[in-house]
Amino acid sequence: MNEEKIIDVLDKFELIYPKEIAESMRDDIQEKFKTVCYALALAVKENVSHLLYKMNRDKIFSLYDECKLREQEYKDTDNEIISFTNYFYKSLKGQLLKSEGSSFLCLKI
């Protein structure tokens, strides 16, 4: 069941390519796609994929690029990113969970 959901999510974000096309991509582009696909699969596994309506393909890849910039910025500092894949997933999940729920708790004065 999860496998079908993962395929559906990857298809929704147009991330399913024939093997020949995927193999012809530059290494950095392949790595980007692998990381994004893994993060989306984790979103399904952790039951937050229902929040993916908040994102589109461009937003996901922009988030990836922002995370890559932060990875470079934090290199050799106390904030160095040890696992980029995990960092990207946590950033994606944070975007999905941002402003989820709790709005009904706001009091109007």
PDB file of N, CA and C in Angstrom:
ATOM      1  N   MET A   1       0.829  -1.196   0.000  1.00  0.00           N
ATOM      2  CA  MET A   1       0.000   0.000   0.000  1.00  0.00           C
ATOM      3  C   MET A   1       0.875   1.263   0.000  1.00  0.00           C
ATOM      4  N   ASN A   2       1.858   1.329   0.889  1.00  0.00           N
ATOM      5  CA  ASN A   2       2.733   2.499   0.920  1.00  0.00           C
ATOM      6  C   ASN A   2       3.458   2.687  -0.405  1.00  0.00           C
ATOM      7  N   GLU A   3       3.828   1.561  -1.034  1.00  0.00           N
ATOM      8  CA  GLU A   3       4.545   1.648  -2.307  1.00  0.00           C
ATOM      9  C   GLU A   3       3.680   2.351  -3.359  1.00  0.00           C
ATOM     10  N   GLU A   4       2.393   2.020  -3.397  1.00  0.00           N
ATOM     11  CA  GLU A   4       1.487   2.681  -4.338  1.00  0.00           C
ATOM     12  C   GLU A   4       1.374   4.168  -4.041  1.00  0.00           C
ATOM     13  N   LYS A   5       1.282   4.520  -2.762  1.00  0.00           N
ATOM     14  CA  LYS A   5       1.199   5.935  -2.375  1.00  0.00           C
ATOM     15  C   LYS A   5       2.465   6.680  -2.785  1.00  0.00           C
ATOM     16  N   ILE A   6       3.614   6.037  -2.586  1.00  0.00           N
ATOM     17  CA  ILE A   6       4.883   6.666  -2.964  1.00  0.00           C
ATOM     18  C   ILE A   6       4.918   6.915  -4.461  1.00  0.00           C
ATOM     19  N   ILE A   7       4.529   5.926  -5.244  1.00  0.00           N
ATOM     20  CA  ILE A   7       4.496   6.075  -6.709  1.00  0.00           C
ATOM     21  C   ILE A   7       3.548   7.204  -7.101  1.00  0.00           C
ATOM     22  N   ASP A   8       2.384   7.265  -6.462  1.00  0.00           N
ATOM     23  CA  ASP A   8       1.421   8.336  -6.748  1.00  0.00           C
ATOM     24  C   ASP A   8       2.011   9.714  -6.456  1.00  0.00           C
ATOM     25  N   VAL A   9       2.700   9.836  -5.320  1.00  0.00           N
ATOM     26  CA  VAL A   9       3.303  11.123  -4.952  1.00  0.00           C
ATOM     27  C   VAL A   9       4.403  11.489  -5.947  1.00  0.00           C
ATOM     28  N   LEU A  10       5.271  10.537  -6.281  1.00  0.00           N
ATOM     29  CA  LEU A  10       6.346  10.807  -7.240  1.00  0.00           C
ATOM     30  C   LEU A  10       5.779  11.191  -8.602  1.00  0.00           C
ATOM     31  N   ASP A  11       4.700  10.536  -8.994  1.00  0.00           N
ATOM     32  CA  ASP A  11       4.051  10.854 -10.264  1.00  0.00           C
ATOM     33  C   ASP A  11       3.445  12.256 -10.223  1.00  0.00           C
ATOM     34  N   LYS A  12       2.816  12.595  -9.110  1.00  0.00           N
ATOM     35  CA  LYS A  12       2.199  13.924  -8.962  1.00  0.00           C
ATOM     36  C   LYS A  12       3.229  15.036  -9.157  1.00  0.00           C
ATOM     37  N   PHE A  13       4.441  14.815  -8.655  1.00  0.00           N
ATOM     38  CA  PHE A  13       5.492  15.823  -8.763  1.00  0.00           C
ATOM     39  C   PHE A  13       6.387  15.600  -9.980  1.00  0.00           C
ATOM     40  N   GLU A  14       5.937  14.743 -10.900  1.00  0.00           N
ATOM     41  CA  GLU A  14       6.629  14.472 -12.164  1.00  0.00           C
ATOM     42  C   GLU A  14       8.081  14.060 -11.939  1.00  0.00           C
ATOM     43  N   LEU A  15       8.260  13.069 -11.065  1.00  0.00           N
ATOM     44  CA  LEU A  15       9.606  12.607 -10.730  1.00  0.00           C
ATOM     45  C   LEU A  15       9.875  11.181 -11.195  1.00  0.00           C
ATOM     46  N   ILE A  16       9.013  10.666 -12.055  1.00  0.00           N
ATOM     47  CA  ILE A  16       9.223   9.320 -12.587  1.00  0.00           C
ATOM     48  C   ILE A  16       9.712   9.451 -14.027  1.00  0.00           C
ATOM     49  N   TYR A  17      10.939   8.957 -14.250  1.00  0.00           N
ATOM     50  CA  TYR A  17      11.569   9.058 -15.557  1.00  0.00           C
ATOM     51  C   TYR A  17      11.978   7.673 -16.030  1.00  0.00           C
ATOM     52  N   PRO A  18      12.007   7.476 -17.359  1.00  0.00           N
ATOM     53  CA  PRO A  18      12.563   6.226 -17.882  1.00  0.00           C
ATOM     54  C   PRO A  18      14.042   6.118 -17.468  1.00  0.00           C
ATOM     55  N   LYS A  19      14.498   4.904 -17.292  1.00  0.00           N
ATOM     56  CA  LYS A  19      15.869   4.647 -16.836  1.00  0.00           C
ATOM     57  C   LYS A  19      16.899   5.357 -17.717  1.00  0.00           C
ATOM     58  N   GLU A  20      16.687   5.351 -19.023  1.00  0.00           N
ATOM     59  CA  GLU A  20      17.646   5.954 -19.958  1.00  0.00           C
ATOM     60  C   GLU A  20      17.799   7.457 -19.699  1.00  0.00           C
ATOM     61  N   ILE A  21      16.687   8.121 -19.450  1.00  0.00           N
ATOM     62  CA  ILE A  21      16.728   9.565 -19.187  1.00  0.00           C
ATOM     63  C   ILE A  21      17.402   9.831 -17.840  1.00  0.00           C
ATOM     64  N   ALA A  22      17.042   9.060 -16.837  1.00  0.00           N
ATOM     65  CA  ALA A  22      17.639   9.243 -15.510  1.00  0.00           C
ATOM     66  C   ALA A  22      19.145   9.042 -15.560  1.00  0.00           C
ATOM     67  N   GLU A  23      19.594   8.039 -16.309  1.00  0.00           N
ATOM     68  CA  GLU A  23      21.028   7.767 -16.405  1.00  0.00           C
ATOM     69  C   GLU A  23      21.775   8.822 -17.204  1.00  0.00           C
ATOM     70  N   SER A  24      21.063   9.558 -18.059  1.00  0.00           N
ATOM     71  CA  SER A  24      21.728  10.574 -18.869  1.00  0.00           C
ATOM     72  C   SER A  24      21.851  11.916 -18.136  1.00  0.00           C
ATOM     73  N   MET A  25      21.237  12.033 -16.961  1.00  0.00           N
ATOM     74  CA  MET A  25      21.318  13.275 -16.182  1.00  0.00           C
ATOM     75  C   MET A  25      22.713  13.418 -15.570  1.00  0.00           C
ATOM     76  N   ARG A  26      23.124  14.658 -15.386  1.00  0.00           N
ATOM     77  CA  ARG A  26      24.388  14.917 -14.686  1.00  0.00           C
ATOM     78  C   ARG A  26      24.303  14.343 -13.273  1.00  0.00           C
ATOM     79  N   ASP A  27      25.442  14.035 -12.701  1.00  0.00           N
ATOM     80  CA  ASP A  27      25.486  13.433 -11.366  1.00  0.00           C
ATOM     81  C   ASP A  27      24.812  14.301 -10.315  1.00  0.00           C
ATOM     82  N   ASP A  28      25.024  15.619 -10.365  1.00  0.00           N
ATOM     83  CA  ASP A  28      24.425  16.497  -9.353  1.00  0.00           C
ATOM     84  C   ASP A  28      22.900  16.533  -9.486  1.00  0.00           C
ATOM     85  N   ILE A  29      22.407  16.451 -10.712  1.00  0.00           N
ATOM     86  CA  ILE A  29      20.961  16.429 -10.922  1.00  0.00           C
ATOM     87  C   ILE A  29      20.384  15.100 -10.451  1.00  0.00           C
ATOM     88  N   GLN A  30      21.088  14.009 -10.733  1.00  0.00           N
ATOM     89  CA  GLN A  30      20.643  12.696 -10.241  1.00  0.00           C
ATOM     90  C   GLN A  30      20.572  12.701  -8.717  1.00  0.00           C
ATOM     91  N   GLU A  31      21.572  13.275  -8.073  1.00  0.00           N
ATOM     92  CA  GLU A  31      21.594  13.328  -6.611  1.00  0.00           C
ATOM     93  C   GLU A  31      20.427  14.164  -6.085  1.00  0.00           C
ATOM     94  N   LYS A  32      20.141  15.261  -6.746  1.00  0.00           N
ATOM     95  CA  LYS A  32      19.010  16.107  -6.350  1.00  0.00           C
ATOM     96  C   LYS A  32      17.704  15.316  -6.430  1.00  0.00           C
ATOM     97  N   PHE A  33      17.495  14.632  -7.548  1.00  0.00           N
ATOM     98  CA  PHE A  33      16.270  13.861  -7.729  1.00  0.00           C
ATOM     99  C   PHE A  33      16.165  12.728  -6.713  1.00  0.00           C
ATOM    100  N   LYS A  34      17.273  12.040  -6.456  1.00  0.00           N
ATOM    101  CA  LYS A  34      17.264  10.950  -5.477  1.00  0.00           C
ATOM    102  C   LYS A  34      16.891  11.470  -4.089  1.00  0.00           C
ATOM    103  N   THR A  35      17.474  12.589  -3.712  1.00  0.00           N
ATOM    104  CA  THR A  35      17.211  13.161  -2.390  1.00  0.00           C
ATOM    105  C   THR A  35      15.752  13.588  -2.268  1.00  0.00           C
ATOM    106  N   VAL A  36      15.238  14.244  -3.289  1.00  0.00           N
ATOM    107  CA  VAL A  36      13.846  14.691  -3.273  1.00  0.00           C
ATOM    108  C   VAL A  36      12.906  13.476  -3.236  1.00  0.00           C
ATOM    109  N   CYS A  37      13.184  12.466  -4.049  1.00  0.00           N
ATOM    110  CA  CYS A  37      12.337  11.261  -4.064  1.00  0.00           C
ATOM    111  C   CYS A  37      12.364  10.565  -2.709  1.00  0.00           C
ATOM    112  N   TYR A  38      13.529  10.478  -2.097  1.00  0.00           N
ATOM    113  CA  TYR A  38      13.645   9.846  -0.784  1.00  0.00           C
ATOM    114  C   TYR A  38      12.842  10.626   0.255  1.00  0.00           C
ATOM    115  N   ALA A  39      12.950  11.943   0.221  1.00  0.00           N
ATOM    116  CA  ALA A  39      12.215  12.776   1.178  1.00  0.00           C
ATOM    117  C   ALA A  39      10.704  12.614   0.995  1.00  0.00           C
ATOM    118  N   LEU A  40      10.249  12.558  -0.240  1.00  0.00           N
ATOM    119  CA  LEU A  40       8.821  12.376  -0.493  1.00  0.00           C
ATOM    120  C   LEU A  40       8.358  10.992  -0.029  1.00  0.00           C
ATOM    121  N   ALA A  41       9.198   9.982  -0.226  1.00  0.00           N
ATOM    122  CA  ALA A  41       8.855   8.642   0.254  1.00  0.00           C
ATOM    123  C   ALA A  41       8.772   8.632   1.784  1.00  0.00           C
ATOM    124  N   LEU A  42       9.682   9.339   2.449  1.00  0.00           N
ATOM    125  CA  LEU A  42       9.613   9.445   3.913  1.00  0.00           C
ATOM    126  C   LEU A  42       8.343  10.155   4.367  1.00  0.00           C
ATOM    127  N   ALA A  43       7.932  11.154   3.601  1.00  0.00           N
ATOM    128  CA  ALA A  43       6.693  11.866   3.933  1.00  0.00           C
ATOM    129  C   ALA A  43       5.509  10.902   3.909  1.00  0.00           C
ATOM    130  N   VAL A  44       5.504   9.997   2.943  1.00  0.00           N
ATOM    131  CA  VAL A  44       4.446   8.989   2.880  1.00  0.00           C
ATOM    132  C   VAL A  44       4.565   8.056   4.077  1.00  0.00           C
ATOM    133  N   LYS A  45       5.774   7.590   4.336  1.00  0.00           N
ATOM    134  CA  LYS A  45       5.996   6.639   5.436  1.00  0.00           C
ATOM    135  C   LYS A  45       5.591   7.236   6.782  1.00  0.00           C
ATOM    136  N   GLU A  46       5.865   8.526   6.982  1.00  0.00           N
ATOM    137  CA  GLU A  46       5.567   9.178   8.256  1.00  0.00           C
ATOM    138  C   GLU A  46       4.175   9.814   8.281  1.00  0.00           C
ATOM    139  N   ASN A  47       3.374   9.473   7.292  1.00  0.00           N
ATOM    140  CA  ASN A  47       1.976   9.921   7.234  1.00  0.00           C
ATOM    141  C   ASN A  47       1.807  11.437   7.214  1.00  0.00           C
ATOM    142  N   VAL A  48       2.688  12.137   6.538  1.00  0.00           N
ATOM    143  CA  VAL A  48       2.500  13.582   6.351  1.00  0.00           C
ATOM    144  C   VAL A  48       2.297  13.924   4.871  1.00  0.00           C
ATOM    145  N   SER A  49       2.167  12.887   4.042  1.00  0.00           N
ATOM    146  CA  SER A  49       2.015  13.145   2.603  1.00  0.00           C
ATOM    147  C   SER A  49       0.707  13.859   2.282  1.00  0.00           C
ATOM    148  N   HIS A  50      -0.279  13.757   3.165  1.00  0.00           N
ATOM    149  CA  HIS A  50      -1.542  14.458   2.923  1.00  0.00           C
ATOM    150  C   HIS A  50      -1.347  15.978   2.946  1.00  0.00           C
ATOM    151  N   LEU A  51      -0.214  16.430   3.466  1.00  0.00           N
ATOM    152  CA  LEU A  51       0.072  17.868   3.507  1.00  0.00           C
ATOM    153  C   LEU A  51       0.840  18.352   2.282  1.00  0.00           C
ATOM    154  N   LEU A  52       1.173  17.452   1.383  1.00  0.00           N
ATOM    155  CA  LEU A  52       1.958  17.829   0.205  1.00  0.00           C
ATOM    156  C   LEU A  52       1.203  18.759  -0.744  1.00  0.00           C
ATOM    157  N   TYR A  53      -0.084  18.931  -0.523  1.00  0.00           N
ATOM    158  CA  TYR A  53      -0.844  19.877  -1.352  1.00  0.00           C
ATOM    159  C   TYR A  53      -0.282  21.294  -1.194  1.00  0.00           C
ATOM    160  N   LYS A  54       0.434  21.541  -0.101  1.00  0.00           N
ATOM    161  CA  LYS A  54       1.013  22.862   0.146  1.00  0.00           C
ATOM    162  C   LYS A  54       2.229  23.133  -0.734  1.00  0.00           C
ATOM    163  N   MET A  55       2.739  22.097  -1.358  1.00  0.00           N
ATOM    164  CA  MET A  55       3.959  22.218  -2.153  1.00  0.00           C
ATOM    165  C   MET A  55       3.669  21.934  -3.613  1.00  0.00           C
ATOM    166  N   ASN A  56       4.538  22.434  -4.460  1.00  0.00           N
ATOM    167  CA  ASN A  56       4.534  22.030  -5.853  1.00  0.00           C
ATOM    168  C   ASN A  56       5.979  21.693  -6.223  1.00  0.00           C
ATOM    169  N   ARG A  57       6.168  21.208  -7.408  1.00  0.00           N
ATOM    170  CA  ARG A  57       7.507  20.769  -7.832  1.00  0.00           C
ATOM    171  C   ARG A  57       8.531  21.890  -7.688  1.00  0.00           C
ATOM    172  N   ASP A  58       8.179  23.085  -8.132  1.00  0.00           N
ATOM    173  CA  ASP A  58       9.125  24.211  -8.058  1.00  0.00           C
ATOM    174  C   ASP A  58       9.488  24.555  -6.620  1.00  0.00           C
ATOM    175  N   LYS A  59       8.509  24.530  -5.727  1.00  0.00           N
ATOM    176  CA  LYS A  59       8.776  24.834  -4.318  1.00  0.00           C
ATOM    177  C   LYS A  59       9.701  23.791  -3.699  1.00  0.00           C
ATOM    178  N   ILE A  60       9.483  22.542  -4.057  1.00  0.00           N
ATOM    179  CA  ILE A  60      10.326  21.478  -3.502  1.00  0.00           C
ATOM    180  C   ILE A  60      11.766  21.646  -3.963  1.00  0.00           C
ATOM    181  N   PHE A  61      11.951  21.923  -5.247  1.00  0.00           N
ATOM    182  CA  PHE A  61      13.321  22.080  -5.754  1.00  0.00           C
ATOM    183  C   PHE A  61      13.953  23.385  -5.264  1.00  0.00           C
ATOM    184  N   SER A  62      13.167  24.413  -5.053  1.00  0.00           N
ATOM    185  CA  SER A  62      13.695  25.645  -4.458  1.00  0.00           C
ATOM    186  C   SER A  62      14.151  25.395  -3.023  1.00  0.00           C
ATOM    187  N   LEU A  63      13.358  24.633  -2.286  1.00  0.00           N
ATOM    188  CA  LEU A  63      13.735  24.277  -0.920  1.00  0.00           C
ATOM    189  C   LEU A  63      15.033  23.477  -0.930  1.00  0.00           C
ATOM    190  N   TYR A  64      15.163  22.561  -1.859  1.00  0.00           N
ATOM    191  CA  TYR A  64      16.395  21.771  -1.992  1.00  0.00           C
ATOM    192  C   TYR A  64      17.584  22.708  -2.222  1.00  0.00           C
ATOM    193  N   ASP A  65      17.428  23.643  -3.148  1.00  0.00           N
ATOM    194  CA  ASP A  65      18.520  24.572  -3.453  1.00  0.00           C
ATOM    195  C   ASP A  65      18.875  25.434  -2.241  1.00  0.00           C
ATOM    196  N   GLU A  66      17.867  25.895  -1.507  1.00  0.00           N
ATOM    197  CA  GLU A  66      18.116  26.668  -0.281  1.00  0.00           C
ATOM    198  C   GLU A  66      18.887  25.836   0.736  1.00  0.00           C
ATOM    199  N   CYS A  67      18.496  24.590   0.887  1.00  0.00           N
ATOM    200  CA  CYS A  67      19.182  23.703   1.832  1.00  0.00           C
ATOM    201  C   CYS A  67      20.630  23.468   1.401  1.00  0.00           C
ATOM    202  N   LYS A  68      20.862  23.338   0.105  1.00  0.00           N
ATOM    203  CA  LYS A  68      22.229  23.164  -0.405  1.00  0.00           C
ATOM    204  C   LYS A  68      23.077  24.401  -0.104  1.00  0.00           C
ATOM    205  N   LEU A  69      22.481  25.585  -0.257  1.00  0.00           N
ATOM    206  CA  LEU A  69      23.209  26.814   0.073  1.00  0.00           C
ATOM    207  C   LEU A  69      23.566  26.849   1.556  1.00  0.00           C
ATOM    208  N   ARG A  70      22.607  26.455   2.410  1.00  0.00           N
ATOM    209  CA  ARG A  70      22.881  26.416   3.849  1.00  0.00           C
ATOM    210  C   ARG A  70      23.959  25.397   4.174  1.00  0.00           C
ATOM    211  N   GLU A  71      23.944  24.278   3.463  1.00  0.00           N
ATOM    212  CA  GLU A  71      24.977  23.261   3.686  1.00  0.00           C
ATOM    213  C   GLU A  71      26.361  23.861   3.430  1.00  0.00           C
ATOM    214  N   GLN A  72      26.491  24.613   2.347  1.00  0.00           N
ATOM    215  CA  GLN A  72      27.774  25.260   2.034  1.00  0.00           C
ATOM    216  C   GLN A  72      28.122  26.335   3.063  1.00  0.00           C
ATOM    217  N   GLU A  73      27.111  27.095   3.454  1.00  0.00           N
ATOM    218  CA  GLU A  73      27.300  28.180   4.418  1.00  0.00           C
ATOM    219  C   GLU A  73      27.769  27.639   5.773  1.00  0.00           C
ATOM    220  N   TYR A  74      27.224  26.510   6.187  1.00  0.00           N
ATOM    221  CA  TYR A  74      27.518  25.944   7.508  1.00  0.00           C
ATOM    222  C   TYR A  74      28.739  25.028   7.522  1.00  0.00           C
ATOM    223  N   LYS A  75      29.325  24.779   6.359  1.00  0.00           N
ATOM    224  CA  LYS A  75      30.478  23.876   6.279  1.00  0.00           C
ATOM    225  C   LYS A  75      31.606  24.380   7.168  1.00  0.00           C
ATOM    226  N   ASP A  76      32.211  23.470   7.906  1.00  0.00           N
ATOM    227  CA  ASP A  76      33.326  23.770   8.813  1.00  0.00           C
ATOM    228  C   ASP A  76      32.960  24.732   9.931  1.00  0.00           C
ATOM    229  N   THR A  77      31.692  24.728  10.332  1.00  0.00           N
ATOM    230  CA  THR A  77      31.253  25.531  11.479  1.00  0.00           C
ATOM    231  C   THR A  77      30.613  24.587  12.499  1.00  0.00           C
ATOM    232  N   ASP A  78      30.219  25.141  13.617  1.00  0.00           N
ATOM    233  CA  ASP A  78      29.531  24.334  14.634  1.00  0.00           C
ATOM    234  C   ASP A  78      28.173  23.843  14.137  1.00  0.00           C
ATOM    235  N   ASN A  79      27.616  24.510  13.129  1.00  0.00           N
ATOM    236  CA  ASN A  79      26.301  24.144  12.587  1.00  0.00           C
ATOM    237  C   ASN A  79      26.394  23.263  11.342  1.00  0.00           C
ATOM    238  N   GLU A  80      27.571  22.676  11.107  1.00  0.00           N
ATOM    239  CA  GLU A  80      27.761  21.882   9.888  1.00  0.00           C
ATOM    240  C   GLU A  80      26.688  20.799   9.773  1.00  0.00           C
ATOM    241  N   ILE A  81      26.162  20.650   8.573  1.00  0.00           N
ATOM    242  CA  ILE A  81      25.117  19.665   8.296  1.00  0.00           C
ATOM    243  C   ILE A  81      25.796  18.317   8.049  1.00  0.00           C
ATOM    244  N   ILE A  82      25.509  17.369   8.914  1.00  0.00           N
ATOM    245  CA  ILE A  82      26.140  16.054   8.834  1.00  0.00           C
ATOM    246  C   ILE A  82      25.500  15.199   7.738  1.00  0.00           C
ATOM    247  N   SER A  83      24.180  15.159   7.690  1.00  0.00           N
ATOM    248  CA  SER A  83      23.467  14.373   6.680  1.00  0.00           C
ATOM    249  C   SER A  83      22.542  15.304   5.909  1.00  0.00           C
ATOM    250  N   PHE A  84      22.931  15.631   4.680  1.00  0.00           N
ATOM    251  CA  PHE A  84      22.119  16.547   3.891  1.00  0.00           C
ATOM    252  C   PHE A  84      20.728  15.980   3.638  1.00  0.00           C
ATOM    253  N   THR A  85      20.640  14.690   3.359  1.00  0.00           N
ATOM    254  CA  THR A  85      19.340  14.076   3.071  1.00  0.00           C
ATOM    255  C   THR A  85      18.393  14.251   4.250  1.00  0.00           C
ATOM    256  N   ASN A  86      18.872  13.978   5.443  1.00  0.00           N
ATOM    257  CA  ASN A  86      18.033  14.155   6.632  1.00  0.00           C
ATOM    258  C   ASN A  86      17.680  15.624   6.848  1.00  0.00           C
ATOM    259  N   TYR A  87      18.647  16.487   6.614  1.00  0.00           N
ATOM    260  CA  TYR A  87      18.409  17.927   6.772  1.00  0.00           C
ATOM    261  C   TYR A  87      17.326  18.398   5.794  1.00  0.00           C
ATOM    262  N   PHE A  88      17.428  17.946   4.555  1.00  0.00           N
ATOM    263  CA  PHE A  88      16.436  18.336   3.556  1.00  0.00           C
ATOM    264  C   PHE A  88      15.058  17.812   3.942  1.00  0.00           C
ATOM    265  N   TYR A  89      14.981  16.538   4.379  1.00  0.00           N
ATOM    266  CA  TYR A  89      13.682  15.993   4.757  1.00  0.00           C
ATOM    267  C   TYR A  89      13.079  16.769   5.924  1.00  0.00           C
ATOM    268  N   LYS A  90      13.892  17.081   6.918  1.00  0.00           N
ATOM    269  CA  LYS A  90      13.380  17.842   8.068  1.00  0.00           C
ATOM    270  C   LYS A  90      12.901  19.224   7.630  1.00  0.00           C
ATOM    271  N   SER A  91      13.593  19.825   6.678  1.00  0.00           N
ATOM    272  CA  SER A  91      13.170  21.130   6.152  1.00  0.00           C
ATOM    273  C   SER A  91      11.847  21.006   5.400  1.00  0.00           C
ATOM    274  N   LEU A  92      11.726  19.964   4.593  1.00  0.00           N
ATOM    275  CA  LEU A  92      10.480  19.722   3.860  1.00  0.00           C
ATOM    276  C   LEU A  92       9.333  19.475   4.835  1.00  0.00           C
ATOM    277  N   LYS A  93       9.574  18.617   5.806  1.00  0.00           N
ATOM    278  CA  LYS A  93       8.537  18.306   6.791  1.00  0.00           C
ATOM    279  C   LYS A  93       8.147  19.562   7.566  1.00  0.00           C
ATOM    280  N   GLY A  94       9.129  20.393   7.888  1.00  0.00           N
ATOM    281  CA  GLY A  94       8.842  21.648   8.578  1.00  0.00           C
ATOM    282  C   GLY A  94       7.939  22.551   7.745  1.00  0.00           C
ATOM    283  N   GLN A  95       8.194  22.599   6.442  1.00  0.00           N
ATOM    284  CA  GLN A  95       7.343  23.398   5.554  1.00  0.00           C
ATOM    285  C   GLN A  95       5.922  22.832   5.515  1.00  0.00           C
ATOM    286  N   LEU A  96       5.818  21.514   5.508  1.00  0.00           N
ATOM    287  CA  LEU A  96       4.501  20.885   5.449  1.00  0.00           C
ATOM    288  C   LEU A  96       3.719  21.124   6.736  1.00  0.00           C
ATOM    289  N   LEU A  97       4.411  21.077   7.863  1.00  0.00           N
ATOM    290  CA  LEU A  97       3.739  21.209   9.155  1.00  0.00           C
ATOM    291  C   LEU A  97       3.543  22.661   9.576  1.00  0.00           C
ATOM    292  N   LYS A  98       4.213  23.577   8.873  1.00  0.00           N
ATOM    293  CA  LYS A  98       4.087  24.997   9.202  1.00  0.00           C
ATOM    294  C   LYS A  98       2.629  25.428   9.141  1.00  0.00           C
ATOM    295  N   SER A  99       2.189  26.055  10.180  1.00  0.00           N
ATOM    296  CA  SER A  99       0.824  26.581  10.311  1.00  0.00           C
ATOM    297  C   SER A  99      -0.255  25.509  10.197  1.00  0.00           C
ATOM    298  N   GLU A 100       0.131  24.240  10.435  1.00  0.00           N
ATOM    299  CA  GLU A 100      -0.880  23.190  10.442  1.00  0.00           C
ATOM    300  C   GLU A 100      -1.611  23.215  11.776  1.00  0.00           C
ATOM    301  N   GLY A 101      -2.906  23.129  11.739  1.00  0.00           N
ATOM    302  CA  GLY A 101      -3.682  23.085  12.964  1.00  0.00           C
ATOM    303  C   GLY A 101      -3.539  24.350  13.786  1.00  0.00           C
ATOM    304  N   SER A 102      -3.783  24.287  15.025  1.00  0.00           N
ATOM    305  CA  SER A 102      -3.652  25.326  16.045  1.00  0.00           C
ATOM    306  C   SER A 102      -4.252  26.687  15.688  1.00  0.00           C
ATOM    307  N   SER A 103      -4.685  26.909  14.455  1.00  0.00           N
ATOM    308  CA  SER A 103      -5.275  28.208  14.143  1.00  0.00           C
ATOM    309  C   SER A 103      -6.575  28.409  14.903  1.00  0.00           C
ATOM    310  N   PHE A 104      -7.245  27.327  15.257  1.00  0.00           N
ATOM    311  CA  PHE A 104      -8.486  27.442  16.004  1.00  0.00           C
ATOM    312  C   PHE A 104      -8.226  27.876  17.447  1.00  0.00           C
ATOM    313  N   LEU A 105      -6.956  27.862  17.868  1.00  0.00           N
ATOM    314  CA  LEU A 105      -6.623  28.270  19.232  1.00  0.00           C
ATOM    315  C   LEU A 105      -6.395  29.775  19.356  1.00  0.00           C
ATOM    316  N   CYS A 106      -6.330  30.451  18.243  1.00  0.00           N
ATOM    317  CA  CYS A 106      -6.095  31.903  18.274  1.00  0.00           C
ATOM    318  C   CYS A 106      -7.319  32.612  18.806  1.00  0.00           C
ATOM    319  N   LEU A 107      -7.090  33.466  19.771  1.00  0.00           N
ATOM    320  CA  LEU A 107      -8.180  34.230  20.344  1.00  0.00           C
ATOM    321  C   LEU A 107      -8.229  35.616  19.725  1.00  0.00           C
ATOM    322  N   LYS A 108      -9.392  36.073  19.421  1.00  0.00           N
ATOM    323  CA  LYS A 108      -9.538  37.433  18.898  1.00  0.00           C
ATOM    324  C   LYS A 108      -9.928  38.336  20.054  1.00  0.00           C
ATOM    325  N   ILE A 109      -9.187  39.388  20.220  1.00  0.00           N
ATOM    326  CA  ILE A 109      -9.442  40.299  21.327  1.00  0.00           C
ATOM    327  C   ILE A 109      -9.891  41.644  20.788  1.00  0.00           C
TER     328      ILE A 109
END
